[in-house]
Amino acid sequence: MFDENTQGTVFNIQKFSLHDGPGIRTIVFLKGCYLSCKWCSNPESQKFTPSVMFEKKQCVGCGNCVRSCPQAAISMEGSNRVDHDKCVGCGTCASVCPTGALSMTGKTMTVKEVLDDVCKDAVHYRRSSGGLTLSGGEPLAQPDFVEALLRSAKARGLHTAMETTGIASPAVLERVIPLLDVVLLDIKTFYSKQHEKYTGLANDVVLKNALTISKLAKNLSIRVPLIPEFNADEQSIKAIATFASYLDNVTRLHILPYHNFGQSKYSLLEQDYYYEGFKTPPQNDIEKFKGIVESLGIECVIGG
């Protein structure tokens, strides 16, 4: 059984996507992630609670936010307006900001609220063999909400997919993975120390869980973000592809070339962007990496 009143924290619902699963899809982005990847295009997803974003150009210095914050997490002094370690995401500051310089990302929603919105486009899913994709953040970090969401989605006849790092307990994987028609599993590198240096966490759990997920999944795609300085080299791609060749139910491997589309969000969160100035790997290199994957008998797609 599932309860459509189960609540979770959502930070975006993106409609009419042609990526992240087959057909026309709605992507529901959930807050919270165990990793802090240096290239993350959704840094606002990393905290589990709603996050305050600050647009400096919009600020008129009225001080309403400072006076209203119950956590004393806002200051007009220093380099940052918001102390994100103190902030609990209550949204009081944003509610009293007259210019919208402070805004919130992330809100609590019920399964019913999410799916009522998703199902507004059901006709497009039927015509294109599309459906619902869960993303983040890490969806598996909200297991009760995700399980209820997927069970309700299946009851409404929706095709289901999920983007995931695979970081979860075995019990959560057994609850969630069988409810998905497609699993899009990130494997960023095969090398644990490299993974820890650039994401904040070693990848032992990721690789171990990949084996479990591949046995539970109906249809598994491996996704590799191609990141300069991190894994955009022949050795790294060959190691990932070799590992993928030992997994069950893998239909293809996607190479996702680096982009800086999320860079502006870092300034809104008053954070430095590590990859500023880096460029997408050359097309010749990308094609070479594609050839390495295909040489191991795995279909390779460039892009989502």
Protein backbone atom coordinates (compact mmCIF):
# COMPACT_ATOMS: atom_id res chain seq x y z
CA MET A 1 0.00 0.00 0.00
CA PHE A 2 1.03 3.60 -0.47
CA ASP A 3 -0.12 6.87 1.02
CA GLU A 4 -0.56 9.80 -1.36
CA ASN A 5 -0.23 12.13 1.64
CA THR A 6 3.41 11.09 2.12
CA GLN A 7 5.55 14.23 1.97
CA GLY A 8 8.90 15.00 0.40
CA THR A 9 11.01 18.01 -0.49
CA VAL A 10 10.94 19.01 -4.16
CA PHE A 11 12.91 21.85 -5.74
CA ASN A 12 11.74 21.76 -9.36
CA ILE A 13 9.26 20.09 -11.69
CA GLN A 14 10.47 20.31 -15.29
CA LYS A 15 7.97 19.50 -18.02
CA PHE A 16 8.32 18.47 -21.65
CA SER A 17 11.83 17.04 -21.28
CA LEU A 18 13.15 14.89 -24.11
CA HIS A 19 16.00 13.48 -22.06
CA ASP A 20 16.33 11.32 -18.94
CA GLY A 21 14.18 8.50 -20.23
CA PRO A 22 12.14 7.69 -23.35
CA GLY A 23 9.53 9.97 -24.88
CA ILE A 24 8.23 13.24 -23.47
CA ARG A 25 8.81 13.31 -19.73
CA THR A 26 8.24 15.34 -16.60
CA ILE A 27 11.27 15.42 -14.32
CA VAL A 28 10.68 15.85 -10.60
CA PHE A 29 13.83 17.08 -8.85
CA LEU A 30 14.16 16.15 -5.18
CA LYS A 31 16.28 17.88 -2.55
CA GLY A 32 19.16 16.21 -0.76
CA CYS A 33 22.33 14.49 -1.93
CA TYR A 34 25.13 12.56 -0.26
CA LEU A 35 27.69 13.90 -2.74
CA SER A 36 29.01 17.39 -3.38
CA CYS A 37 30.42 17.04 -6.90
CA LYS A 38 32.64 19.96 -7.87
CA TRP A 39 30.85 20.28 -11.24
CA CYS A 40 27.29 19.80 -9.94
CA SER A 41 24.77 21.65 -12.11
CA ASN A 42 22.16 21.63 -9.33
CA PRO A 43 24.08 22.79 -6.23
CA GLU A 44 20.80 23.91 -4.66
CA SER A 45 19.85 20.23 -4.50
CA GLN A 46 22.62 19.21 -2.14
CA LYS A 47 21.01 20.37 1.11
CA PHE A 48 18.06 18.30 2.32
CA THR A 49 16.14 21.37 3.51
CA PRO A 50 14.94 24.35 1.42
CA SER A 51 17.78 26.70 0.51
CA VAL A 52 17.98 30.50 0.42
CA MET A 53 19.37 32.03 -2.77
CA PHE A 54 20.66 35.61 -2.88
CA GLU A 55 20.74 37.83 -5.96
CA LYS A 56 23.10 40.62 -4.96
CA LYS A 57 22.09 42.92 -7.83
CA GLN A 58 18.51 42.99 -6.58
CA CYS A 59 19.39 43.93 -2.99
CA VAL A 60 18.62 47.51 -1.83
CA GLY A 61 20.12 47.03 1.64
CA CYS A 62 16.90 47.58 3.59
CA GLY A 63 17.91 45.12 6.34
CA ASN A 64 14.46 43.47 6.63
CA CYS A 65 16.08 40.06 6.25
CA VAL A 66 18.57 40.65 9.07
CA ARG A 67 15.90 41.79 11.49
CA SER A 68 13.48 38.97 10.67
CA CYS A 69 15.79 35.92 10.65
CA PRO A 70 15.08 33.78 13.76
CA GLN A 71 18.42 31.99 13.40
CA ALA A 72 20.58 35.13 13.08
CA ALA A 73 21.83 33.57 9.85
CA ILE A 74 21.83 36.80 7.81
CA SER A 75 24.23 39.70 8.01
CA MET A 76 24.89 42.89 6.06
CA GLU A 77 28.58 42.55 6.96
CA GLY A 78 31.20 40.30 5.42
CA SER A 79 31.41 38.65 2.02
CA ASN A 80 28.28 36.49 2.31
CA ARG A 81 24.76 37.61 3.10
CA VAL A 82 23.54 34.16 4.31
CA ASP A 83 25.31 31.83 6.74
CA HIS A 84 24.11 28.55 5.23
CA ASP A 85 25.39 26.56 8.20
CA LYS A 86 22.99 28.43 10.49
CA CYS A 87 20.13 28.72 8.00
CA VAL A 88 17.30 26.18 8.45
CA GLY A 89 15.41 27.18 5.31
CA CYS A 90 12.37 28.63 7.05
CA GLY A 91 11.90 31.26 4.33
CA THR A 92 11.18 34.17 6.66
CA CYS A 93 13.85 36.33 5.03
CA ALA A 94 12.49 35.77 1.53
CA SER A 95 8.96 36.60 2.66
CA VAL A 96 10.01 40.07 3.85
CA CYS A 97 12.40 40.91 0.98
CA PRO A 98 10.75 43.68 -1.07
CA THR A 99 12.79 43.17 -4.24
CA GLY A 100 13.07 39.39 -4.47
CA ALA A 101 16.81 39.48 -3.82
CA LEU A 102 16.27 36.58 -1.44
CA SER A 103 14.31 33.59 -2.71
CA MET A 104 13.71 30.00 -1.67
CA THR A 105 14.39 26.82 -3.59
CA GLY A 106 12.71 23.66 -2.35
CA LYS A 107 9.30 23.06 -0.83
CA THR A 108 7.37 20.30 0.88
CA MET A 109 4.88 18.52 -1.36
CA THR A 110 2.70 15.45 -1.01
CA VAL A 111 2.73 12.55 -3.45
CA LYS A 112 -0.75 13.60 -4.58
CA GLU A 113 0.33 17.19 -5.23
CA VAL A 114 3.28 16.05 -7.32
CA LEU A 115 1.37 13.49 -9.36
CA ASP A 116 -1.67 15.69 -9.93
CA ASP A 117 0.74 18.14 -11.57
CA VAL A 118 2.63 15.44 -13.48
CA CYS A 119 -0.56 13.85 -14.81
CA LYS A 120 -1.73 17.10 -16.42
CA ASP A 121 0.46 16.04 -19.35
CA ALA A 122 -0.61 12.39 -19.44
CA VAL A 123 -1.78 12.65 -23.05
CA HIS A 124 1.77 13.54 -24.15
CA TYR A 125 3.20 10.56 -22.27
CA ARG A 126 0.77 8.18 -23.99
CA ARG A 127 1.54 9.54 -27.45
CA SER A 128 5.33 9.48 -26.99
CA SER A 129 5.78 6.52 -24.61
CA GLY A 130 7.05 9.01 -22.04
CA GLY A 131 6.35 9.44 -18.36
CA LEU A 132 7.80 10.47 -15.01
CA THR A 133 11.51 10.72 -14.16
CA LEU A 134 12.81 11.33 -10.64
CA SER A 135 16.05 13.25 -10.29
CA GLY A 136 17.85 15.41 -7.76
CA GLY A 137 19.84 15.58 -5.67
CA GLU A 138 19.59 11.91 -4.92
CA PRO A 139 16.03 10.54 -4.98
CA LEU A 140 17.00 7.52 -2.88
CA ALA A 141 17.81 9.92 -0.03
CA GLN A 142 14.02 10.32 0.42
CA PRO A 143 13.08 6.62 0.25
CA ASP A 144 9.59 6.72 1.82
CA PHE A 145 8.49 9.59 -0.42
CA VAL A 146 10.02 8.03 -3.53
CA GLU A 147 8.49 4.60 -2.90
CA ALA A 148 5.04 6.12 -2.36
CA LEU A 149 5.49 8.36 -5.41
CA LEU A 150 6.47 5.45 -7.65
CA ARG A 151 3.71 3.14 -6.40
CA SER A 152 1.14 5.86 -6.97
CA ALA A 153 2.62 6.63 -10.40
CA LYS A 154 2.30 2.97 -11.42
CA ALA A 155 -1.28 2.93 -10.13
CA ARG A 156 -1.98 5.89 -12.45
CA GLY A 157 -0.41 4.05 -15.38
CA LEU A 158 2.77 6.13 -15.68
CA HIS A 159 6.08 4.94 -17.08
CA THR A 160 8.73 5.54 -14.40
CA ALA A 161 12.44 6.32 -14.52
CA MET A 162 14.99 7.58 -12.01
CA GLU A 163 18.40 9.20 -12.15
CA THR A 164 20.50 8.02 -9.22
CA THR A 165 24.01 7.76 -7.81
CA GLY A 166 22.96 4.42 -6.32
CA ILE A 167 23.86 5.47 -2.80
CA ALA A 168 21.35 3.80 -0.47
CA SER A 169 20.99 0.82 1.82
CA PRO A 170 20.29 -2.60 0.27
CA ALA A 171 16.82 -2.51 1.85
CA VAL A 172 15.98 0.77 0.07
CA LEU A 173 17.22 -0.59 -3.25
CA GLU A 174 14.99 -3.64 -2.89
CA ARG A 175 11.99 -1.41 -2.15
CA VAL A 176 12.49 1.11 -4.93
CA ILE A 177 14.37 -0.30 -7.94
CA PRO A 178 11.71 -2.90 -8.94
CA LEU A 179 9.14 -0.08 -9.21
CA LEU A 180 11.11 1.57 -12.03
CA ASP A 181 10.82 0.89 -15.74
CA VAL A 182 14.20 2.52 -16.38
CA VAL A 183 17.13 3.17 -14.04
CA LEU A 184 19.70 5.82 -15.05
CA LEU A 185 22.71 5.06 -12.86
CA ASP A 186 25.64 7.47 -12.56
CA ILE A 187 29.08 5.93 -12.46
CA LYS A 188 31.47 8.86 -12.36
CA THR A 189 34.77 7.01 -12.02
CA PHE A 190 36.01 3.56 -11.13
CA TYR A 191 38.74 4.96 -8.87
CA SER A 192 37.76 5.50 -5.26
CA LYS A 193 40.33 8.15 -4.27
CA GLN A 194 39.52 10.20 -7.36
CA HIS A 195 35.81 9.91 -6.59
CA GLU A 196 36.33 11.07 -3.01
CA LYS A 197 38.51 14.02 -4.03
CA TYR A 198 35.94 15.44 -6.46
CA THR A 199 32.63 14.38 -4.89
CA GLY A 200 33.41 14.21 -1.17
CA LEU A 201 32.75 10.48 -0.85
CA ALA A 202 34.56 7.30 -1.87
CA ASN A 203 32.73 5.19 -4.43
CA ASP A 204 32.85 1.76 -2.75
CA VAL A 205 29.12 1.88 -2.03
CA VAL A 206 28.36 3.09 -5.56
CA LEU A 207 30.15 0.18 -7.22
CA LYS A 208 28.80 -2.40 -4.78
CA ASN A 209 25.25 -1.13 -5.19
CA ALA A 210 25.63 -1.02 -8.98
CA LEU A 211 25.89 -4.81 -8.90
CA THR A 212 22.70 -5.05 -6.84
CA ILE A 213 20.81 -2.51 -8.94
CA SER A 214 21.73 -4.31 -12.16
CA LYS A 215 20.07 -7.46 -10.86
CA LEU A 216 16.93 -5.65 -9.66
CA ALA A 217 16.48 -3.27 -12.61
CA LYS A 218 14.31 -4.06 -15.61
CA ASN A 219 16.28 -1.70 -17.84
CA LEU A 220 19.56 -0.09 -16.78
CA SER A 221 21.45 2.73 -18.46
CA ILE A 222 24.86 3.80 -17.17
CA ARG A 223 25.53 7.53 -17.25
CA VAL A 224 29.05 8.97 -17.18
CA PRO A 225 29.47 12.72 -16.77
CA LEU A 226 32.61 13.49 -18.79
CA ILE A 227 34.52 15.96 -16.63
CA PRO A 228 37.88 17.62 -17.41
CA GLU A 229 40.66 16.86 -14.90
CA PHE A 230 38.47 14.14 -13.35
CA ASN A 231 37.64 11.36 -15.81
CA ALA A 232 37.99 12.74 -19.37
CA ASP A 233 40.76 10.32 -20.29
CA GLU A 234 40.99 6.93 -21.96
CA GLN A 235 41.98 4.99 -18.83
CA SER A 236 39.01 6.26 -16.80
CA ILE A 237 36.45 5.63 -19.54
CA LYS A 238 37.79 2.15 -20.25
CA ALA A 239 37.67 1.25 -16.54
CA ILE A 240 34.04 2.40 -16.24
CA ALA A 241 32.98 0.63 -19.43
CA THR A 242 34.75 -2.58 -18.40
CA PHE A 243 32.93 -2.53 -15.08
CA ALA A 244 29.62 -1.84 -16.86
CA SER A 245 30.19 -4.85 -19.12
CA TYR A 246 29.96 -7.12 -16.06
CA LEU A 247 26.60 -5.70 -14.94
CA ASP A 248 23.24 -7.26 -15.75
CA ASN A 249 20.45 -5.63 -17.78
CA VAL A 250 22.60 -2.76 -19.10
CA THR A 251 21.04 -1.46 -22.32
CA ARG A 252 23.47 1.39 -23.03
CA LEU A 253 26.05 3.77 -21.63
CA HIS A 254 25.56 7.53 -21.95
CA ILE A 255 28.53 9.89 -22.08
CA LEU A 256 27.43 13.31 -20.80
CA PRO A 257 30.01 15.95 -21.81
CA TYR A 258 30.76 18.62 -19.21
CA HIS A 259 28.86 21.92 -19.40
CA ASN A 260 28.74 24.95 -17.11
CA PHE A 261 24.98 25.60 -17.29
CA GLY A 262 24.68 25.53 -13.50
CA GLN A 263 27.51 27.97 -12.82
CA SER A 264 25.25 30.96 -12.11
CA LYS A 265 23.55 29.07 -9.27
CA TYR A 266 26.79 29.03 -7.28
CA SER A 267 26.83 32.81 -7.02
CA LEU A 268 23.19 32.74 -5.86
CA LEU A 269 24.27 30.33 -3.10
CA GLU A 270 27.36 32.49 -2.46
CA GLN A 271 29.69 29.62 -3.29
CA ASP A 272 32.78 29.39 -5.47
CA TYR A 273 32.50 27.33 -8.66
CA TYR A 274 35.52 25.03 -8.94
CA TYR A 275 35.17 24.47 -12.69
CA GLU A 276 35.04 28.12 -13.74
CA GLY A 277 36.97 28.49 -16.97
CA PHE A 278 36.92 24.79 -17.87
CA LYS A 279 35.58 23.83 -21.28
CA THR A 280 33.71 20.88 -22.75
CA PRO A 281 36.17 18.17 -23.90
CA PRO A 282 36.95 18.32 -27.65
CA GLN A 283 34.55 16.43 -29.92
CA ASN A 284 37.39 14.24 -31.21
CA ASP A 285 38.08 13.06 -27.65
CA ILE A 286 34.40 12.41 -27.01
CA GLU A 287 34.17 10.27 -30.16
CA LYS A 288 37.31 8.40 -29.10
CA PHE A 289 35.77 7.62 -25.70
CA LYS A 290 32.58 6.46 -27.44
CA GLY A 291 34.68 4.06 -29.49
CA ILE A 292 36.28 2.65 -26.33
CA VAL A 293 32.86 1.89 -24.86
CA GLU A 294 31.60 0.30 -28.07
CA SER A 295 34.73 -1.85 -28.34
CA LEU A 296 33.56 -3.58 -25.16
CA GLY A 297 30.23 -4.47 -26.73
CA ILE A 298 28.12 -1.74 -25.08
CA GLU A 299 25.91 0.65 -27.00
CA CYS A 300 27.16 4.19 -26.37
CA VAL A 301 25.15 7.40 -26.66
CA ILE A 302 26.57 10.90 -26.40
CA GLY A 303 24.17 13.00 -24.34
CA GLY A 304 21.13 12.22 -22.20
